[in-house]
Amino acid sequence: MTLTSASLTLAAAAAAAPTGPSQVDETVRTLEASGYNVIINRSGAAPLSQCTVSTVRPGQTYSTTDSRGGSSIHTTITSKTVYVDVTC
């Protein structure tokens, strides 16, 4: 189950990644709206409004797994993180 959760997380992060330079704010808003905790890694000293997104990388995903008294195991994602690398 953990492997499946990791695969889904990677696919979702990749889907949110821009195909070219994009506004940082827009990318962050999109990822946050999808339920991610976003951490920005910045390279350069220009204002964030002048930066472009270079990479979106998956971070740690936290989940709980339980059977709730039955034989079926249920996994619930409690937190997911992505790293947004920006160049300024």
N, C-alpha and C. Protein backbone atom coordinates (compact mmCIF):
# COMPACT_ATOMS: atom_id res chain seq x y z
N MET A 1 0.80 -1.19 0.00
CA MET A 1 0.00 0.00 0.00
C MET A 1 0.85 1.27 0.00
N THR A 2 1.95 1.26 0.74
CA THR A 2 2.81 2.43 0.80
C THR A 2 3.38 2.76 -0.56
N LEU A 3 3.76 1.73 -1.32
CA LEU A 3 4.30 1.95 -2.65
C LEU A 3 3.27 2.60 -3.55
N THR A 4 2.00 2.18 -3.44
CA THR A 4 0.94 2.78 -4.24
C THR A 4 0.75 4.24 -3.87
N SER A 5 0.77 4.55 -2.58
CA SER A 5 0.61 5.95 -2.14
C SER A 5 1.74 6.81 -2.68
N ALA A 6 2.96 6.29 -2.65
CA ALA A 6 4.11 7.05 -3.16
C ALA A 6 3.96 7.29 -4.65
N SER A 7 3.48 6.30 -5.39
CA SER A 7 3.30 6.45 -6.84
C SER A 7 2.26 7.52 -7.14
N LEU A 8 1.16 7.52 -6.37
CA LEU A 8 0.13 8.53 -6.59
C LEU A 8 0.64 9.92 -6.27
N THR A 9 1.44 10.04 -5.23
CA THR A 9 2.00 11.33 -4.85
C THR A 9 2.91 11.85 -5.94
N LEU A 10 3.78 11.01 -6.48
CA LEU A 10 4.69 11.43 -7.54
C LEU A 10 3.93 11.85 -8.77
N ALA A 11 2.89 11.11 -9.12
CA ALA A 11 2.11 11.44 -10.31
C ALA A 11 1.39 12.78 -10.13
N ALA A 12 0.84 13.02 -8.95
CA ALA A 12 0.14 14.29 -8.69
C ALA A 12 1.10 15.47 -8.73
N ALA A 13 2.29 15.30 -8.17
CA ALA A 13 3.28 16.38 -8.18
C ALA A 13 3.74 16.66 -9.59
N ALA A 14 3.94 15.63 -10.37
CA ALA A 14 4.37 15.81 -11.75
C ALA A 14 3.29 16.50 -12.57
N ALA A 15 2.03 16.17 -12.30
CA ALA A 15 0.93 16.79 -13.03
C ALA A 15 0.83 18.28 -12.71
N ALA A 16 1.21 18.68 -11.52
CA ALA A 16 1.13 20.08 -11.12
C ALA A 16 2.34 20.88 -11.60
N ALA A 17 3.39 20.20 -12.02
CA ALA A 17 4.60 20.88 -12.46
C ALA A 17 4.35 21.61 -13.77
N PRO A 18 4.87 22.80 -13.91
CA PRO A 18 4.71 23.54 -15.16
C PRO A 18 5.59 22.95 -16.25
N THR A 19 5.17 23.13 -17.52
CA THR A 19 5.96 22.62 -18.63
C THR A 19 7.05 23.61 -19.04
N GLY A 20 6.97 24.81 -18.60
CA GLY A 20 7.98 25.84 -18.88
C GLY A 20 8.00 26.82 -17.72
N PRO A 21 8.75 27.90 -17.85
CA PRO A 21 8.77 28.88 -16.77
C PRO A 21 7.35 29.35 -16.44
N SER A 22 7.05 29.46 -15.17
CA SER A 22 5.72 29.83 -14.73
C SER A 22 5.81 30.79 -13.56
N GLN A 23 4.75 31.46 -13.27
CA GLN A 23 4.71 32.32 -12.10
C GLN A 23 4.75 31.44 -10.85
N VAL A 24 5.60 31.78 -9.93
CA VAL A 24 5.77 31.00 -8.70
C VAL A 24 4.46 30.97 -7.91
N ASP A 25 3.82 32.12 -7.76
CA ASP A 25 2.58 32.19 -6.98
C ASP A 25 1.51 31.26 -7.53
N GLU A 26 1.36 31.23 -8.82
CA GLU A 26 0.34 30.38 -9.45
C GLU A 26 0.63 28.90 -9.19
N THR A 27 1.89 28.50 -9.32
CA THR A 27 2.28 27.11 -9.08
C THR A 27 2.03 26.73 -7.63
N VAL A 28 2.42 27.60 -6.71
CA VAL A 28 2.23 27.33 -5.28
C VAL A 28 0.74 27.22 -4.97
N ARG A 29 -0.07 28.13 -5.48
CA ARG A 29 -1.53 28.09 -5.24
C ARG A 29 -2.14 26.79 -5.76
N THR A 30 -1.72 26.37 -6.95
CA THR A 30 -2.25 25.14 -7.53
C THR A 30 -1.90 23.93 -6.67
N LEU A 31 -0.66 23.86 -6.22
CA LEU A 31 -0.23 22.74 -5.39
C LEU A 31 -0.94 22.75 -4.03
N GLU A 32 -1.05 23.92 -3.42
CA GLU A 32 -1.74 24.02 -2.13
C GLU A 32 -3.22 23.64 -2.27
N ALA A 33 -3.83 24.04 -3.38
CA ALA A 33 -5.24 23.69 -3.61
C ALA A 33 -5.41 22.17 -3.79
N SER A 34 -4.32 21.50 -4.21
CA SER A 34 -4.35 20.04 -4.35
C SER A 34 -4.01 19.33 -3.05
N GLY A 35 -3.80 20.11 -1.98
CA GLY A 35 -3.57 19.52 -0.67
C GLY A 35 -2.12 19.37 -0.25
N TYR A 36 -1.20 19.94 -0.99
CA TYR A 36 0.22 19.82 -0.66
C TYR A 36 0.69 20.91 0.29
N ASN A 37 1.64 20.59 1.15
CA ASN A 37 2.42 21.57 1.89
C ASN A 37 3.58 21.92 0.97
N VAL A 38 3.75 23.17 0.63
CA VAL A 38 4.75 23.58 -0.36
C VAL A 38 5.95 24.23 0.34
N ILE A 39 7.13 23.76 -0.02
CA ILE A 39 8.38 24.35 0.47
C ILE A 39 9.11 24.90 -0.75
N ILE A 40 9.42 26.20 -0.71
CA ILE A 40 10.10 26.85 -1.84
C ILE A 40 11.60 26.88 -1.57
N ASN A 41 12.38 26.37 -2.52
CA ASN A 41 13.84 26.46 -2.50
C ASN A 41 14.23 27.50 -3.55
N ARG A 42 14.83 28.57 -3.10
CA ARG A 42 15.10 29.72 -3.97
C ARG A 42 16.58 29.83 -4.29
N SER A 43 16.87 30.11 -5.56
CA SER A 43 18.24 30.34 -6.00
C SER A 43 18.29 31.74 -6.63
N GLY A 44 19.01 32.66 -6.00
CA GLY A 44 19.10 34.03 -6.50
C GLY A 44 18.50 35.00 -5.51
N ALA A 45 18.71 36.29 -5.75
CA ALA A 45 18.30 37.30 -4.80
C ALA A 45 17.19 38.22 -5.31
N ALA A 46 16.69 38.00 -6.51
CA ALA A 46 15.63 38.85 -7.06
C ALA A 46 14.33 38.63 -6.28
N PRO A 47 13.41 39.57 -6.35
CA PRO A 47 12.10 39.38 -5.70
C PRO A 47 11.41 38.13 -6.26
N LEU A 48 10.62 37.48 -5.42
CA LEU A 48 9.95 36.24 -5.82
C LEU A 48 9.08 36.44 -7.06
N SER A 49 8.55 37.64 -7.24
CA SER A 49 7.71 37.93 -8.41
C SER A 49 8.50 37.86 -9.72
N GLN A 50 9.83 37.93 -9.65
CA GLN A 50 10.68 37.87 -10.84
C GLN A 50 11.30 36.49 -11.03
N CYS A 51 10.94 35.53 -10.18
CA CYS A 51 11.51 34.18 -10.26
C CYS A 51 10.66 33.29 -11.16
N THR A 52 11.26 32.22 -11.62
CA THR A 52 10.54 31.21 -12.40
C THR A 52 10.73 29.85 -11.74
N VAL A 53 9.74 29.00 -11.92
CA VAL A 53 9.80 27.65 -11.36
C VAL A 53 10.70 26.81 -12.25
N SER A 54 11.70 26.17 -11.65
CA SER A 54 12.58 25.31 -12.43
C SER A 54 12.24 23.83 -12.23
N THR A 55 11.77 23.47 -11.03
CA THR A 55 11.47 22.06 -10.74
C THR A 55 10.43 21.97 -9.63
N VAL A 56 9.57 20.95 -9.72
CA VAL A 56 8.69 20.59 -8.62
C VAL A 56 9.05 19.15 -8.26
N ARG A 57 9.49 18.97 -6.99
CA ARG A 57 9.95 17.64 -6.55
C ARG A 57 9.08 17.13 -5.42
N PRO A 58 8.80 15.83 -5.41
CA PRO A 58 8.00 15.26 -4.33
C PRO A 58 8.79 15.27 -3.02
N GLY A 59 8.08 15.45 -1.94
CA GLY A 59 8.66 15.39 -0.61
C GLY A 59 8.05 14.23 0.15
N GLN A 60 8.11 14.32 1.46
CA GLN A 60 7.61 13.26 2.33
C GLN A 60 6.08 13.22 2.34
N THR A 61 5.54 12.02 2.32
CA THR A 61 4.11 11.81 2.49
C THR A 61 3.91 11.00 3.76
N TYR A 62 3.03 11.48 4.61
CA TYR A 62 2.72 10.78 5.85
C TYR A 62 1.33 10.18 5.73
N SER A 63 1.21 8.93 6.17
CA SER A 63 -0.08 8.27 6.11
C SER A 63 -0.25 7.33 7.30
N THR A 64 -1.49 6.96 7.53
CA THR A 64 -1.79 5.97 8.56
C THR A 64 -2.47 4.79 7.87
N THR A 65 -2.24 3.61 8.41
CA THR A 65 -2.83 2.40 7.86
C THR A 65 -3.49 1.63 8.99
N ASP A 66 -4.74 1.26 8.78
CA ASP A 66 -5.42 0.43 9.78
C ASP A 66 -6.47 -0.44 9.10
N SER A 67 -6.92 -1.43 9.83
CA SER A 67 -7.92 -2.34 9.28
C SER A 67 -9.30 -2.07 9.86
N ARG A 68 -9.40 -1.22 10.84
CA ARG A 68 -10.67 -0.85 11.48
C ARG A 68 -11.50 -2.08 11.85
N GLY A 69 -10.81 -3.11 12.33
CA GLY A 69 -11.49 -4.31 12.80
C GLY A 69 -11.83 -5.30 11.71
N GLY A 70 -11.63 -4.96 10.47
CA GLY A 70 -11.94 -5.87 9.37
C GLY A 70 -10.67 -6.44 8.78
N SER A 71 -10.80 -7.19 7.72
CA SER A 71 -9.64 -7.80 7.09
C SER A 71 -9.03 -6.90 6.01
N SER A 72 -9.76 -5.87 5.61
CA SER A 72 -9.29 -4.95 4.57
C SER A 72 -8.46 -3.83 5.20
N ILE A 73 -7.28 -3.59 4.66
CA ILE A 73 -6.41 -2.53 5.16
C ILE A 73 -6.74 -1.23 4.43
N HIS A 74 -6.87 -0.15 5.21
CA HIS A 74 -7.21 1.17 4.66
C HIS A 74 -6.07 2.14 4.97
N THR A 75 -5.57 2.83 3.94
CA THR A 75 -4.51 3.82 4.12
C THR A 75 -5.08 5.22 3.93
N THR A 76 -4.78 6.09 4.87
CA THR A 76 -5.23 7.49 4.81
C THR A 76 -4.00 8.39 4.80
N ILE A 77 -3.89 9.23 3.77
CA ILE A 77 -2.79 10.19 3.70
C ILE A 77 -3.12 11.35 4.61
N THR A 78 -2.22 11.64 5.54
CA THR A 78 -2.46 12.71 6.51
C THR A 78 -1.74 14.01 6.14
N SER A 79 -0.66 13.91 5.37
CA SER A 79 0.11 15.09 4.99
C SER A 79 1.00 14.75 3.80
N LYS A 80 1.13 15.67 2.86
CA LYS A 80 2.02 15.46 1.72
C LYS A 80 2.73 16.78 1.40
N THR A 81 4.00 16.65 1.04
CA THR A 81 4.85 17.82 0.82
C THR A 81 5.47 17.77 -0.57
N VAL A 82 5.61 18.93 -1.21
CA VAL A 82 6.39 19.06 -2.45
C VAL A 82 7.36 20.21 -2.28
N TYR A 83 8.46 20.11 -3.00
CA TYR A 83 9.48 21.17 -3.02
C TYR A 83 9.40 21.87 -4.37
N VAL A 84 9.32 23.18 -4.34
CA VAL A 84 9.29 23.97 -5.57
C VAL A 84 10.61 24.72 -5.64
N ASP A 85 11.43 24.36 -6.62
CA ASP A 85 12.73 25.03 -6.83
C ASP A 85 12.49 26.20 -7.78
N VAL A 86 12.93 27.39 -7.37
CA VAL A 86 12.76 28.57 -8.20
C VAL A 86 14.12 29.22 -8.47
N THR A 87 14.23 29.84 -9.64
CA THR A 87 15.44 30.54 -10.04
C THR A 87 15.09 32.01 -10.20
N CYS A 88 15.89 32.86 -9.58
CA CYS A 88 15.62 34.30 -9.61
C CYS A 88 16.76 35.05 -10.31
